[in-house]
Amino acid sequence: MSSKLNVPLGRWFGIPVFLHWSWMVMFLLVLITSPAIVPLYIALFVLVLLHELGHCLAARSFGAPTRDIMLWPFGGIASVDMPVQPKAELCGAGWSSSKRCSGAGVFPATGTGLQFLEFVGLL
């Protein structure tokens, strides 16, 4: 999924990770309009990366190959060839969800959680 406009972030656990060009546009928009929530946006980026790595590592435990991870402004895509097995699907979904839930406390801890919710229009 690499492109000349996407930024390679290296290989994490042997998996190529890319930052989509639109992430940088969104980051600049956040930086210009609401600099106070920049730490929150970076925390969101880290949580998305952990979430996608969770999918990849769970797939790897079942022998499934992972092509890459692409990180977008509000999410990510792990390109994984998961085997068609209920246990593998459950493990892949559960591992990444547990990582996402464990990171849920990051947003209130930043002190800008309410600002983020206001920024995205939820308040």
PDB file of N, CA and C in Angstrom:
ATOM      1  N   MET A   1       0.812  -1.180   0.000  1.00  0.00           N
ATOM      2  CA  MET A   1       0.000   0.000   0.000  1.00  0.00           C
ATOM      3  C   MET A   1       0.874   1.271   0.000  1.00  0.00           C
ATOM      4  N   SER A   2       2.129   1.099  -0.222  1.00  0.00           N
ATOM      5  CA  SER A   2       3.013   2.256  -0.201  1.00  0.00           C
ATOM      6  C   SER A   2       2.814   3.100  -1.458  1.00  0.00           C
ATOM      7  N   SER A   3       3.060   4.379  -1.314  1.00  0.00           N
ATOM      8  CA  SER A   3       2.960   5.338  -2.399  1.00  0.00           C
ATOM      9  C   SER A   3       4.048   6.375  -2.174  1.00  0.00           C
ATOM     10  N   LYS A   4       4.369   7.118  -3.192  1.00  0.00           N
ATOM     11  CA  LYS A   4       5.396   8.145  -3.037  1.00  0.00           C
ATOM     12  C   LYS A   4       4.964   9.232  -2.071  1.00  0.00           C
ATOM     13  N   LEU A   5       3.659   9.426  -1.889  1.00  0.00           N
ATOM     14  CA  LEU A   5       3.159  10.449  -0.983  1.00  0.00           C
ATOM     15  C   LEU A   5       3.073   9.982   0.461  1.00  0.00           C
ATOM     16  N   ASN A   6       3.088   8.682   0.691  1.00  0.00           N
ATOM     17  CA  ASN A   6       2.999   8.143   2.041  1.00  0.00           C
ATOM     18  C   ASN A   6       4.379   8.099   2.684  1.00  0.00           C
ATOM     19  N   VAL A   7       4.403   8.255   3.994  1.00  0.00           N
ATOM     20  CA  VAL A   7       5.663   8.317   4.733  1.00  0.00           C
ATOM     21  C   VAL A   7       5.936   6.961   5.394  1.00  0.00           C
ATOM     22  N   PRO A   8       7.050   6.309   5.063  1.00  0.00           N
ATOM     23  CA  PRO A   8       7.374   5.050   5.737  1.00  0.00           C
ATOM     24  C   PRO A   8       7.846   5.334   7.168  1.00  0.00           C
ATOM     25  N   LEU A   9       7.301   4.581   8.119  1.00  0.00           N
ATOM     26  CA  LEU A   9       7.671   4.724   9.522  1.00  0.00           C
ATOM     27  C   LEU A   9       8.533   3.566  10.005  1.00  0.00           C
ATOM     28  N   GLY A  10       9.092   2.832   9.065  1.00  0.00           N
ATOM     29  CA  GLY A  10       9.957   1.714   9.423  1.00  0.00           C
ATOM     30  C   GLY A  10       9.206   0.402   9.478  1.00  0.00           C
ATOM     31  N   ARG A  11       9.881  -0.581  10.032  1.00  0.00           N
ATOM     32  CA  ARG A  11       9.306  -1.914  10.188  1.00  0.00           C
ATOM     33  C   ARG A  11       9.136  -2.171  11.674  1.00  0.00           C
ATOM     34  N   TRP A  12       7.926  -2.433  12.085  1.00  0.00           N
ATOM     35  CA  TRP A  12       7.613  -2.730  13.477  1.00  0.00           C
ATOM     36  C   TRP A  12       7.310  -4.222  13.554  1.00  0.00           C
ATOM     37  N   PHE A  13       8.117  -4.955  14.286  1.00  0.00           N
ATOM     38  CA  PHE A  13       7.994  -6.413  14.378  1.00  0.00           C
ATOM     39  C   PHE A  13       8.055  -7.044  12.987  1.00  0.00           C
ATOM     40  N   GLY A  14       8.840  -6.430  12.103  1.00  0.00           N
ATOM     41  CA  GLY A  14       8.999  -6.940  10.749  1.00  0.00           C
ATOM     42  C   GLY A  14       7.891  -6.543   9.788  1.00  0.00           C
ATOM     43  N   ILE A  15       6.968  -5.696  10.238  1.00  0.00           N
ATOM     44  CA  ILE A  15       5.824  -5.287   9.421  1.00  0.00           C
ATOM     45  C   ILE A  15       6.046  -3.847   8.950  1.00  0.00           C
ATOM     46  N   PRO A  16       6.036  -3.594   7.639  1.00  0.00           N
ATOM     47  CA  PRO A  16       6.189  -2.216   7.168  1.00  0.00           C
ATOM     48  C   PRO A  16       5.005  -1.345   7.602  1.00  0.00           C
ATOM     49  N   VAL A  17       5.298  -0.179   8.161  1.00  0.00           N
ATOM     50  CA  VAL A  17       4.256   0.745   8.628  1.00  0.00           C
ATOM     51  C   VAL A  17       4.389   2.045   7.841  1.00  0.00           C
ATOM     52  N   PHE A  18       3.246   2.521   7.330  1.00  0.00           N
ATOM     53  CA  PHE A  18       3.220   3.743   6.533  1.00  0.00           C
ATOM     54  C   PHE A  18       2.230   4.737   7.126  1.00  0.00           C
ATOM     55  N   LEU A  19       2.553   6.000   7.005  1.00  0.00           N
ATOM     56  CA  LEU A  19       1.670   7.091   7.407  1.00  0.00           C
ATOM     57  C   LEU A  19       1.101   7.703   6.128  1.00  0.00           C
ATOM     58  N   HIS A  20      -0.229   7.656   5.987  1.00  0.00           N
ATOM     59  CA  HIS A  20      -0.866   8.205   4.800  1.00  0.00           C
ATOM     60  C   HIS A  20      -0.669   9.718   4.768  1.00  0.00           C
ATOM     61  N   TRP A  21      -0.513  10.285   3.591  1.00  0.00           N
ATOM     62  CA  TRP A  21      -0.256  11.720   3.454  1.00  0.00           C
ATOM     63  C   TRP A  21      -1.349  12.561   4.085  1.00  0.00           C
ATOM     64  N   SER A  22      -2.581  12.073   4.112  1.00  0.00           N
ATOM     65  CA  SER A  22      -3.686  12.855   4.674  1.00  0.00           C
ATOM     66  C   SER A  22      -3.552  13.026   6.184  1.00  0.00           C
ATOM     67  N   TRP A  23      -2.795  12.122   6.843  1.00  0.00           N
ATOM     68  CA  TRP A  23      -2.563  12.271   8.283  1.00  0.00           C
ATOM     69  C   TRP A  23      -1.812  13.568   8.547  1.00  0.00           C
ATOM     70  N   MET A  24      -0.842  13.873   7.723  1.00  0.00           N
ATOM     71  CA  MET A  24      -0.046  15.084   7.919  1.00  0.00           C
ATOM     72  C   MET A  24      -0.878  16.337   7.655  1.00  0.00           C
ATOM     73  N   VAL A  25      -1.788  16.269   6.687  1.00  0.00           N
ATOM     74  CA  VAL A  25      -2.678  17.398   6.425  1.00  0.00           C
ATOM     75  C   VAL A  25      -3.566  17.638   7.640  1.00  0.00           C
ATOM     76  N   MET A  26      -4.124  16.566   8.191  1.00  0.00           N
ATOM     77  CA  MET A  26      -4.981  16.691   9.374  1.00  0.00           C
ATOM     78  C   MET A  26      -4.181  17.202  10.570  1.00  0.00           C
ATOM     79  N   PHE A  27      -2.946  16.713  10.725  1.00  0.00           N
ATOM     80  CA  PHE A  27      -2.101  17.171  11.826  1.00  0.00           C
ATOM     81  C   PHE A  27      -1.844  18.677  11.721  1.00  0.00           C
ATOM     82  N   LEU A  28      -1.554  19.154  10.522  1.00  0.00           N
ATOM     83  CA  LEU A  28      -1.340  20.593  10.331  1.00  0.00           C
ATOM     84  C   LEU A  28      -2.609  21.386  10.636  1.00  0.00           C
ATOM     85  N   LEU A  29      -3.745  20.853  10.233  1.00  0.00           N
ATOM     86  CA  LEU A  29      -5.018  21.504  10.528  1.00  0.00           C
ATOM     87  C   LEU A  29      -5.236  21.597  12.044  1.00  0.00           C
ATOM     88  N   VAL A  30      -4.992  20.515  12.750  1.00  0.00           N
ATOM     89  CA  VAL A  30      -5.127  20.514  14.202  1.00  0.00           C
ATOM     90  C   VAL A  30      -4.126  21.472  14.830  1.00  0.00           C
ATOM     91  N   LEU A  31      -2.896  21.444  14.346  1.00  0.00           N
ATOM     92  CA  LEU A  31      -1.843  22.313  14.878  1.00  0.00           C
ATOM     93  C   LEU A  31      -2.199  23.794  14.721  1.00  0.00           C
ATOM     94  N   ILE A  32      -2.782  24.152  13.592  1.00  0.00           N
ATOM     95  CA  ILE A  32      -3.119  25.551  13.326  1.00  0.00           C
ATOM     96  C   ILE A  32      -4.375  25.983  14.092  1.00  0.00           C
ATOM     97  N   THR A  33      -5.404  25.141  14.088  1.00  0.00           N
ATOM     98  CA  THR A  33      -6.690  25.543  14.666  1.00  0.00           C
ATOM     99  C   THR A  33      -6.797  25.310  16.162  1.00  0.00           C
ATOM    100  N   SER A  34      -6.205  24.224  16.663  1.00  0.00           N
ATOM    101  CA  SER A  34      -6.332  23.869  18.079  1.00  0.00           C
ATOM    102  C   SER A  34      -5.034  23.264  18.596  1.00  0.00           C
ATOM    103  N   PRO A  35      -3.998  24.068  18.769  1.00  0.00           N
ATOM    104  CA  PRO A  35      -2.709  23.509  19.190  1.00  0.00           C
ATOM    105  C   PRO A  35      -2.751  22.804  20.545  1.00  0.00           C
ATOM    106  N   ALA A  36      -3.734  23.126  21.367  1.00  0.00           N
ATOM    107  CA  ALA A  36      -3.820  22.490  22.684  1.00  0.00           C
ATOM    108  C   ALA A  36      -4.118  20.995  22.592  1.00  0.00           C
ATOM    109  N   ILE A  37      -4.732  20.554  21.492  1.00  0.00           N
ATOM    110  CA  ILE A  37      -5.084  19.135  21.400  1.00  0.00           C
ATOM    111  C   ILE A  37      -4.074  18.319  20.600  1.00  0.00           C
ATOM    112  N   VAL A  38      -2.956  18.918  20.239  1.00  0.00           N
ATOM    113  CA  VAL A  38      -1.920  18.171  19.512  1.00  0.00           C
ATOM    114  C   VAL A  38      -1.480  16.930  20.291  1.00  0.00           C
ATOM    115  N   PRO A  39      -1.228  17.027  21.622  1.00  0.00           N
ATOM    116  CA  PRO A  39      -0.850  15.804  22.359  1.00  0.00           C
ATOM    117  C   PRO A  39      -1.925  14.724  22.284  1.00  0.00           C
ATOM    118  N   LEU A  40      -3.175  15.132  22.290  1.00  0.00           N
ATOM    119  CA  LEU A  40      -4.271  14.174  22.186  1.00  0.00           C
ATOM    120  C   LEU A  40      -4.290  13.502  20.820  1.00  0.00           C
ATOM    121  N   TYR A  41      -4.039  14.271  19.777  1.00  0.00           N
ATOM    122  CA  TYR A  41      -4.013  13.714  18.423  1.00  0.00           C
ATOM    123  C   TYR A  41      -2.863  12.719  18.273  1.00  0.00           C
ATOM    124  N   ILE A  42      -1.733  13.031  18.868  1.00  0.00           N
ATOM    125  CA  ILE A  42      -0.592  12.106  18.826  1.00  0.00           C
ATOM    126  C   ILE A  42      -0.910  10.849  19.633  1.00  0.00           C
ATOM    127  N   ALA A  43      -1.598  11.013  20.771  1.00  0.00           N
ATOM    128  CA  ALA A  43      -2.005   9.843  21.561  1.00  0.00           C
ATOM    129  C   ALA A  43      -2.951   8.953  20.755  1.00  0.00           C
ATOM    130  N   LEU A  44      -3.859   9.564  20.009  1.00  0.00           N
ATOM    131  CA  LEU A  44      -4.761   8.804  19.144  1.00  0.00           C
ATOM    132  C   LEU A  44      -3.969   8.027  18.099  1.00  0.00           C
ATOM    133  N   PHE A  45      -2.964   8.657  17.531  1.00  0.00           N
ATOM    134  CA  PHE A  45      -2.094   8.006  16.548  1.00  0.00           C
ATOM    135  C   PHE A  45      -1.428   6.774  17.154  1.00  0.00           C
ATOM    136  N   VAL A  46      -0.898   6.905  18.366  1.00  0.00           N
ATOM    137  CA  VAL A  46      -0.213   5.786  19.030  1.00  0.00           C
ATOM    138  C   VAL A  46      -1.204   4.651  19.304  1.00  0.00           C
ATOM    139  N   LEU A  47      -2.403   4.995  19.750  1.00  0.00           N
ATOM    140  CA  LEU A  47      -3.404   3.955  20.020  1.00  0.00           C
ATOM    141  C   LEU A  47      -3.823   3.221  18.748  1.00  0.00           C
ATOM    142  N   VAL A  48      -3.963   3.941  17.664  1.00  0.00           N
ATOM    143  CA  VAL A  48      -4.312   3.299  16.390  1.00  0.00           C
ATOM    144  C   VAL A  48      -3.187   2.370  15.943  1.00  0.00           C
ATOM    145  N   LEU A  49      -1.949   2.817  16.100  1.00  0.00           N
ATOM    146  CA  LEU A  49      -0.808   1.972  15.732  1.00  0.00           C
ATOM    147  C   LEU A  49      -0.796   0.696  16.572  1.00  0.00           C
ATOM    148  N   LEU A  50      -1.013   0.820  17.888  1.00  0.00           N
ATOM    149  CA  LEU A  50      -1.063  -0.376  18.749  1.00  0.00           C
ATOM    150  C   LEU A  50      -2.211  -1.297  18.353  1.00  0.00           C
ATOM    151  N   HIS A  51      -3.337  -0.706  18.017  1.00  0.00           N
ATOM    152  CA  HIS A  51      -4.497  -1.491  17.594  1.00  0.00           C
ATOM    153  C   HIS A  51      -4.181  -2.318  16.341  1.00  0.00           C
ATOM    154  N   GLU A  52      -3.601  -1.672  15.344  1.00  0.00           N
ATOM    155  CA  GLU A  52      -3.274  -2.375  14.098  1.00  0.00           C
ATOM    156  C   GLU A  52      -2.170  -3.411  14.308  1.00  0.00           C
ATOM    157  N   LEU A  53      -1.205  -3.088  15.150  1.00  0.00           N
ATOM    158  CA  LEU A  53      -0.172  -4.081  15.477  1.00  0.00           C
ATOM    159  C   LEU A  53      -0.789  -5.296  16.158  1.00  0.00           C
ATOM    160  N   GLY A  54      -1.817  -5.052  16.973  1.00  0.00           N
ATOM    161  CA  GLY A  54      -2.521  -6.169  17.605  1.00  0.00           C
ATOM    162  C   GLY A  54      -3.124  -7.121  16.591  1.00  0.00           C
ATOM    163  N   HIS A  55      -3.758  -6.562  15.557  1.00  0.00           N
ATOM    164  CA  HIS A  55      -4.294  -7.402  14.482  1.00  0.00           C
ATOM    165  C   HIS A  55      -3.178  -8.227  13.831  1.00  0.00           C
ATOM    166  N   CYS A  56      -2.069  -7.558  13.536  1.00  0.00           N
ATOM    167  CA  CYS A  56      -0.969  -8.223  12.825  1.00  0.00           C
ATOM    168  C   CYS A  56      -0.323  -9.315  13.662  1.00  0.00           C
ATOM    169  N   LEU A  57      -0.094  -9.043  14.929  1.00  0.00           N
ATOM    170  CA  LEU A  57       0.557 -10.038  15.782  1.00  0.00           C
ATOM    171  C   LEU A  57      -0.362 -11.217  16.056  1.00  0.00           C
ATOM    172  N   ALA A  58      -1.655 -10.961  16.178  1.00  0.00           N
ATOM    173  CA  ALA A  58      -2.598 -12.065  16.338  1.00  0.00           C
ATOM    174  C   ALA A  58      -2.618 -12.927  15.077  1.00  0.00           C
ATOM    175  N   ALA A  59      -2.614 -12.294  13.918  1.00  0.00           N
ATOM    176  CA  ALA A  59      -2.598 -13.044  12.656  1.00  0.00           C
ATOM    177  C   ALA A  59      -1.314 -13.850  12.532  1.00  0.00           C
ATOM    178  N   ARG A  60      -0.211 -13.255  12.942  1.00  0.00           N
ATOM    179  CA  ARG A  60       1.074 -13.962  12.876  1.00  0.00           C
ATOM    180  C   ARG A  60       1.059 -15.224  13.740  1.00  0.00           C
ATOM    181  N   SER A  61       0.366 -15.184  14.874  1.00  0.00           N
ATOM    182  CA  SER A  61       0.319 -16.362  15.741  1.00  0.00           C
ATOM    183  C   SER A  61      -0.406 -17.530  15.072  1.00  0.00           C
ATOM    184  N   PHE A  62      -1.189 -17.254  14.035  1.00  0.00           N
ATOM    185  CA  PHE A  62      -1.864 -18.299  13.262  1.00  0.00           C
ATOM    186  C   PHE A  62      -1.174 -18.553  11.932  1.00  0.00           C
ATOM    187  N   GLY A  63      -0.002 -17.980  11.751  1.00  0.00           N
ATOM    188  CA  GLY A  63       0.765 -18.209  10.536  1.00  0.00           C
ATOM    189  C   GLY A  63       0.324 -17.381   9.344  1.00  0.00           C
ATOM    190  N   ALA A  64      -0.514 -16.381   9.592  1.00  0.00           N
ATOM    191  CA  ALA A  64      -1.013 -15.549   8.494  1.00  0.00           C
ATOM    192  C   ALA A  64      -0.003 -14.460   8.157  1.00  0.00           C
ATOM    193  N   PRO A  65       0.275 -14.251   6.884  1.00  0.00           N
ATOM    194  CA  PRO A  65       1.210 -13.184   6.502  1.00  0.00           C
ATOM    195  C   PRO A  65       0.563 -11.803   6.598  1.00  0.00           C
ATOM    196  N   THR A  66       1.377 -10.824   6.935  1.00  0.00           N
ATOM    197  CA  THR A  66       0.939  -9.430   7.002  1.00  0.00           C
ATOM    198  C   THR A  66       1.751  -8.640   5.993  1.00  0.00           C
ATOM    199  N   ARG A  67       1.052  -7.926   5.120  1.00  0.00           N
ATOM    200  CA  ARG A  67       1.756  -7.133   4.108  1.00  0.00           C
ATOM    201  C   ARG A  67       2.251  -5.806   4.672  1.00  0.00           C
ATOM    202  N   ASP A  68       1.360  -5.026   5.291  1.00  0.00           N
ATOM    203  CA  ASP A  68       1.762  -3.736   5.833  1.00  0.00           C
ATOM    204  C   ASP A  68       0.655  -3.153   6.700  1.00  0.00           C
ATOM    205  N   ILE A  69       0.961  -2.003   7.313  1.00  0.00           N
ATOM    206  CA  ILE A  69      -0.019  -1.220   8.072  1.00  0.00           C
ATOM    207  C   ILE A  69      -0.010   0.184   7.489  1.00  0.00           C
ATOM    208  N   MET A  70      -1.209   0.712   7.225  1.00  0.00           N
ATOM    209  CA  MET A  70      -1.357   2.089   6.754  1.00  0.00           C
ATOM    210  C   MET A  70      -2.143   2.854   7.812  1.00  0.00           C
ATOM    211  N   LEU A  71      -1.565   3.958   8.293  1.00  0.00           N
ATOM    212  CA  LEU A  71      -2.209   4.782   9.304  1.00  0.00           C
ATOM    213  C   LEU A  71      -2.821   6.019   8.649  1.00  0.00           C
ATOM    214  N   TRP A  72      -4.110   6.218   8.887  1.00  0.00           N
ATOM    215  CA  TRP A  72      -4.875   7.329   8.343  1.00  0.00           C
ATOM    216  C   TRP A  72      -5.138   8.330   9.468  1.00  0.00           C
ATOM    217  N   PRO A  73      -5.766   9.481   9.195  1.00  0.00           N
ATOM    218  CA  PRO A  73      -5.999  10.467  10.256  1.00  0.00           C
ATOM    219  C   PRO A  73      -6.805   9.949  11.451  1.00  0.00           C
ATOM    220  N   PHE A  74      -7.813   9.130  11.228  1.00  0.00           N
ATOM    221  CA  PHE A  74      -8.632   8.641  12.335  1.00  0.00           C
ATOM    222  C   PHE A  74      -8.747   7.124  12.353  1.00  0.00           C
ATOM    223  N   GLY A  75      -7.746   6.434  11.867  1.00  0.00           N
ATOM    224  CA  GLY A  75      -7.795   4.982  11.877  1.00  0.00           C
ATOM    225  C   GLY A  75      -6.620   4.390  11.137  1.00  0.00           C
ATOM    226  N   GLY A  76      -6.689   3.106  10.932  1.00  0.00           N
ATOM    227  CA  GLY A  76      -5.619   2.420  10.233  1.00  0.00           C
ATOM    228  C   GLY A  76      -6.131   1.160   9.567  1.00  0.00           C
ATOM    229  N   ILE A  77      -5.298   0.616   8.695  1.00  0.00           N
ATOM    230  CA  ILE A  77      -5.635  -0.625   8.004  1.00  0.00           C
ATOM    231  C   ILE A  77      -4.438  -1.552   8.085  1.00  0.00           C
ATOM    232  N   ALA A  78      -4.660  -2.737   8.617  1.00  0.00           N
ATOM    233  CA  ALA A  78      -3.639  -3.774   8.622  1.00  0.00           C
ATOM    234  C   ALA A  78      -3.980  -4.734   7.486  1.00  0.00           C
ATOM    235  N   SER A  79      -3.092  -4.852   6.537  1.00  0.00           N
ATOM    236  CA  SER A  79      -3.312  -5.762   5.408  1.00  0.00           C
ATOM    237  C   SER A  79      -2.847  -7.149   5.817  1.00  0.00           C
ATOM    238  N   VAL A  80      -3.815  -7.974   6.225  1.00  0.00           N
ATOM    239  CA  VAL A  80      -3.534  -9.301   6.781  1.00  0.00           C
ATOM    240  C   VAL A  80      -4.318 -10.337   5.997  1.00  0.00           C
ATOM    241  N   ASP A  81      -3.688 -11.469   5.697  1.00  0.00           N
ATOM    242  CA  ASP A  81      -4.366 -12.596   5.066  1.00  0.00           C
ATOM    243  C   ASP A  81      -4.709 -13.607   6.156  1.00  0.00           C
ATOM    244  N   MET A  82      -5.786 -13.341   6.878  1.00  0.00           N
ATOM    245  CA  MET A  82      -6.195 -14.179   8.002  1.00  0.00           C
ATOM    246  C   MET A  82      -6.778 -15.486   7.489  1.00  0.00           C
ATOM    247  N   PRO A  83      -6.401 -16.618   8.097  1.00  0.00           N
ATOM    248  CA  PRO A  83      -7.001 -17.884   7.685  1.00  0.00           C
ATOM    249  C   PRO A  83      -8.490 -17.919   8.046  1.00  0.00           C
ATOM    250  N   VAL A  84      -9.246 -18.668   7.277  1.00  0.00           N
ATOM    251  CA  VAL A  84     -10.684 -18.766   7.536  1.00  0.00           C
ATOM    252  C   VAL A  84     -10.905 -19.821   8.615  1.00  0.00           C
ATOM    253  N   GLN A  85     -10.705 -19.377   9.838  1.00  0.00           N
ATOM    254  CA  GLN A  85     -10.917 -20.229  11.009  1.00  0.00           C
ATOM    255  C   GLN A  85     -11.577 -19.356  12.076  1.00  0.00           C
ATOM    256  N   PRO A  86     -12.662 -19.820  12.683  1.00  0.00           N
ATOM    257  CA  PRO A  86     -13.316 -19.005  13.706  1.00  0.00           C
ATOM    258  C   PRO A  86     -12.368 -18.604  14.847  1.00  0.00           C
ATOM    259  N   LYS A  87     -11.521 -19.529  15.267  1.00  0.00           N
ATOM    260  CA  LYS A  87     -10.596 -19.229  16.365  1.00  0.00           C
ATOM    261  C   LYS A  87      -9.619 -18.112  15.966  1.00  0.00           C
ATOM    262  N   ALA A  88      -9.136 -18.155  14.737  1.00  0.00           N
ATOM    263  CA  ALA A  88      -8.206 -17.129  14.263  1.00  0.00           C
ATOM    264  C   ALA A  88      -8.896 -15.772  14.177  1.00  0.00           C
ATOM    265  N   GLU A  89     -10.126 -15.747  13.666  1.00  0.00           N
ATOM    266  CA  GLU A  89     -10.868 -14.492  13.572  1.00  0.00           C
ATOM    267  C   GLU A  89     -11.134 -13.902  14.953  1.00  0.00           C
ATOM    268  N   LEU A  90     -11.535 -14.737  15.885  1.00  0.00           N
ATOM    269  CA  LEU A  90     -11.821 -14.281  17.248  1.00  0.00           C
ATOM    270  C   LEU A  90     -10.563 -13.737  17.918  1.00  0.00           C
ATOM    271  N   CYS A  91      -9.473 -14.431  17.734  1.00  0.00           N
ATOM    272  CA  CYS A  91      -8.206 -13.985  18.325  1.00  0.00           C
ATOM    273  C   CYS A  91      -7.771 -12.661  17.718  1.00  0.00           C
ATOM    274  N   GLY A  92      -7.873 -12.529  16.414  1.00  0.00           N
ATOM    275  CA  GLY A  92      -7.483 -11.289  15.748  1.00  0.00           C
ATOM    276  C   GLY A  92      -8.326 -10.112  16.195  1.00  0.00           C
ATOM    277  N   ALA A  93      -9.616 -10.330  16.364  1.00  0.00           N
ATOM    278  CA  ALA A  93     -10.500  -9.252  16.806  1.00  0.00           C
ATOM    279  C   ALA A  93     -10.295  -8.950  18.284  1.00  0.00           C
ATOM    280  N   GLY A  94     -10.147  -9.970  19.093  1.00  0.00           N
ATOM    281  CA  GLY A  94     -10.006  -9.785  20.539  1.00  0.00           C
ATOM    282  C   GLY A  94      -8.703  -9.135  20.942  1.00  0.00           C
ATOM    283  N   TRP A  95      -7.611  -9.499  20.293  1.00  0.00           N
ATOM    284  CA  TRP A  95      -6.308  -8.944  20.663  1.00  0.00           C
ATOM    285  C   TRP A  95      -6.274  -7.445  20.444  1.00  0.00           C
ATOM    286  N   SER A  96      -6.728  -7.003  19.295  1.00  0.00           N
ATOM    287  CA  SER A  96      -6.668  -5.566  19.004  1.00  0.00           C
ATOM    288  C   SER A  96      -7.663  -4.799  19.869  1.00  0.00           C
ATOM    289  N   SER A  97      -8.813  -5.382  20.165  1.00  0.00           N
ATOM    290  CA  SER A  97      -9.784  -4.698  21.010  1.00  0.00           C
ATOM    291  C   SER A  97      -9.277  -4.552  22.430  1.00  0.00           C
ATOM    292  N   SER A  98      -8.572  -5.550  22.922  1.00  0.00           N
ATOM    293  CA  SER A  98      -8.035  -5.432  24.280  1.00  0.00           C
ATOM    294  C   SER A  98      -6.995  -4.328  24.346  1.00  0.00           C
ATOM    295  N   LYS A  99      -6.209  -4.152  23.295  1.00  0.00           N
ATOM    296  CA  LYS A  99      -5.236  -3.059  23.262  1.00  0.00           C
ATOM    297  C   LYS A  99      -5.946  -1.708  23.228  1.00  0.00           C
ATOM    298  N   ARG A 100      -7.015  -1.633  22.466  1.00  0.00           N
ATOM    299  CA  ARG A 100      -7.750  -0.375  22.367  1.00  0.00           C
ATOM    300  C   ARG A 100      -8.367  -0.018  23.717  1.00  0.00           C
ATOM    301  N   CYS A 101      -8.942  -0.995  24.402  1.00  0.00           N
ATOM    302  CA  CYS A 101      -9.568  -0.729  25.696  1.00  0.00           C
ATOM    303  C   CYS A 101      -8.535  -0.360  26.754  1.00  0.00           C
ATOM    304  N   SER A 102      -7.373  -0.982  26.706  1.00  0.00           N
ATOM    305  CA  SER A 102      -6.351  -0.662  27.701  1.00  0.00           C
ATOM    306  C   SER A 102      -5.825   0.749  27.514  1.00  0.00           C
ATOM    307  N   GLY A 103      -5.931   1.289  26.315  1.00  0.00           N
ATOM    308  CA  GLY A 103      -5.459   2.644  26.071  1.00  0.00           C
ATOM    309  C   GLY A 103      -6.536   3.693  26.250  1.00  0.00           C
ATOM    310  N   ALA A 104      -7.756   3.273  26.596  1.00  0.00           N
ATOM    311  CA  ALA A 104      -8.858   4.225  26.702  1.00  0.00           C
ATOM    312  C   ALA A 104      -8.618   5.275  27.781  1.00  0.00           C
ATOM    313  N   GLY A 105      -7.824   4.946  28.788  1.00  0.00           N
ATOM    314  CA  GLY A 105      -7.549   5.903  29.850  1.00  0.00           C
ATOM    315  C   GLY A 105      -6.593   6.999  29.438  1.00  0.00           C
ATOM    316  N   VAL A 106      -5.992   6.900  28.272  1.00  0.00           N
ATOM    317  CA  VAL A 106      -5.025   7.913  27.828  1.00  0.00           C
ATOM    318  C   VAL A 106      -5.713   9.245  27.573  1.00  0.00           C
ATOM    319  N   PHE A 107      -6.902   9.220  26.993  1.00  0.00           N
ATOM    320  CA  PHE A 107      -7.546  10.475  26.610  1.00  0.00           C
ATOM    321  C   PHE A 107      -7.924  11.337  27.811  1.00  0.00           C
ATOM    322  N   PRO A 108      -8.587  10.810  28.839  1.00  0.00           N
ATOM    323  CA  PRO A 108      -8.861  11.673  29.994  1.00  0.00           C
ATOM    324  C   PRO A 108      -7.574  12.129  30.687  1.00  0.00           C
ATOM    325  N   ALA A 109      -6.549  11.315  30.653  1.00  0.00           N
ATOM    326  CA  ALA A 109      -5.302  11.654  31.337  1.00  0.00           C
ATOM    327  C   ALA A 109      -4.588  12.837  30.692  1.00  0.00           C
ATOM    328  N   THR A 110      -4.873  13.118  29.444  1.00  0.00           N
ATOM    329  CA  THR A 110      -4.194  14.233  28.777  1.00  0.00           C
ATOM    330  C   THR A 110      -4.743  15.577  29.208  1.00  0.00           C
ATOM    331  N   GLY A 111      -5.907  15.589  29.817  1.00  0.00           N
ATOM    332  CA  GLY A 111      -6.507  16.853  30.226  1.00  0.00           C
ATOM    333  C   GLY A 111      -7.176  17.588  29.083  1.00  0.00           C
ATOM    334  N   THR A 112      -7.126  17.021  27.891  1.00  0.00           N
ATOM    335  CA  THR A 112      -7.730  17.683  26.736  1.00  0.00           C
ATOM    336  C   THR A 112      -8.787  16.802  26.079  1.00  0.00           C
ATOM    337  N   GLY A 113      -9.229  15.788  26.789  1.00  0.00           N
ATOM    338  CA  GLY A 113     -10.237  14.892  26.235  1.00  0.00           C
ATOM    339  C   GLY A 113     -11.509  15.613  25.833  1.00  0.00           C
ATOM    340  N   LEU A 114     -11.968  16.552  26.672  1.00  0.00           N
ATOM    341  CA  LEU A 114     -13.178  17.297  26.341  1.00  0.00           C
ATOM    342  C   LEU A 114     -12.967  18.200  25.135  1.00  0.00           C
ATOM    343  N   GLN A 115     -11.768  18.771  25.023  1.00  0.00           N
ATOM    344  CA  GLN A 115     -11.480  19.610  23.855  1.00  0.00           C
ATOM    345  C   GLN A 115     -11.525  18.781  22.588  1.00  0.00           C
ATOM    346  N   PHE A 116     -11.019  17.551  22.656  1.00  0.00           N
ATOM    347  CA  PHE A 116     -11.044  16.692  21.471  1.00  0.00           C
ATOM    348  C   PHE A 116     -12.487  16.376  21.075  1.00  0.00           C
ATOM    349  N   LEU A 117     -13.311  16.033  22.060  1.00  0.00           N
ATOM    350  CA  LEU A 117     -14.704  15.732  21.760  1.00  0.00           C
ATOM    351  C   LEU A 117     -15.412  16.950  21.163  1.00  0.00           C
ATOM    352  N   GLU A 118     -15.081  18.133  21.655  1.00  0.00           N
ATOM    353  CA  GLU A 118     -15.642  19.350  21.105  1.00  0.00           C
ATOM    354  C   GLU A 118     -15.158  19.583  19.682  1.00  0.00           C
ATOM    355  N   PHE A 119     -13.859  19.308  19.433  1.00  0.00           N
ATOM    356  CA  PHE A 119     -13.263  19.496  18.112  1.00  0.00           C
ATOM    357  C   PHE A 119     -13.943  18.620  17.060  1.00  0.00           C
ATOM    358  N   VAL A 120     -14.216  17.372  17.424  1.00  0.00           N
ATOM    359  CA  VAL A 120     -14.836  16.464  16.445  1.00  0.00           C
ATOM    360  C   VAL A 120     -16.352  16.601  16.401  1.00  0.00           C
ATOM    361  N   GLY A 121     -16.912  17.526  17.207  1.00  0.00           N
ATOM    362  CA  GLY A 121     -18.331  17.812  17.131  1.00  0.00           C
ATOM    363  C   GLY A 121     -19.209  16.949  18.000  1.00  0.00           C
ATOM    364  N   LEU A 122     -18.656  16.272  18.992  1.00  0.00           N
ATOM    365  CA  LEU A 122     -19.458  15.431  19.872  1.00  0.00           C
ATOM    366  C   LEU A 122     -19.945  16.173  21.104  1.00  0.00           C
ATOM    367  N   LEU A 123     -19.469  17.381  21.332  1.00  0.00           N
ATOM    368  CA  LEU A 123     -19.942  18.203  22.454  1.00  0.00           C
ATOM    369  C   LEU A 123     -20.513  19.506  21.948  1.00  0.00           C
TER     370      LEU A 123
END
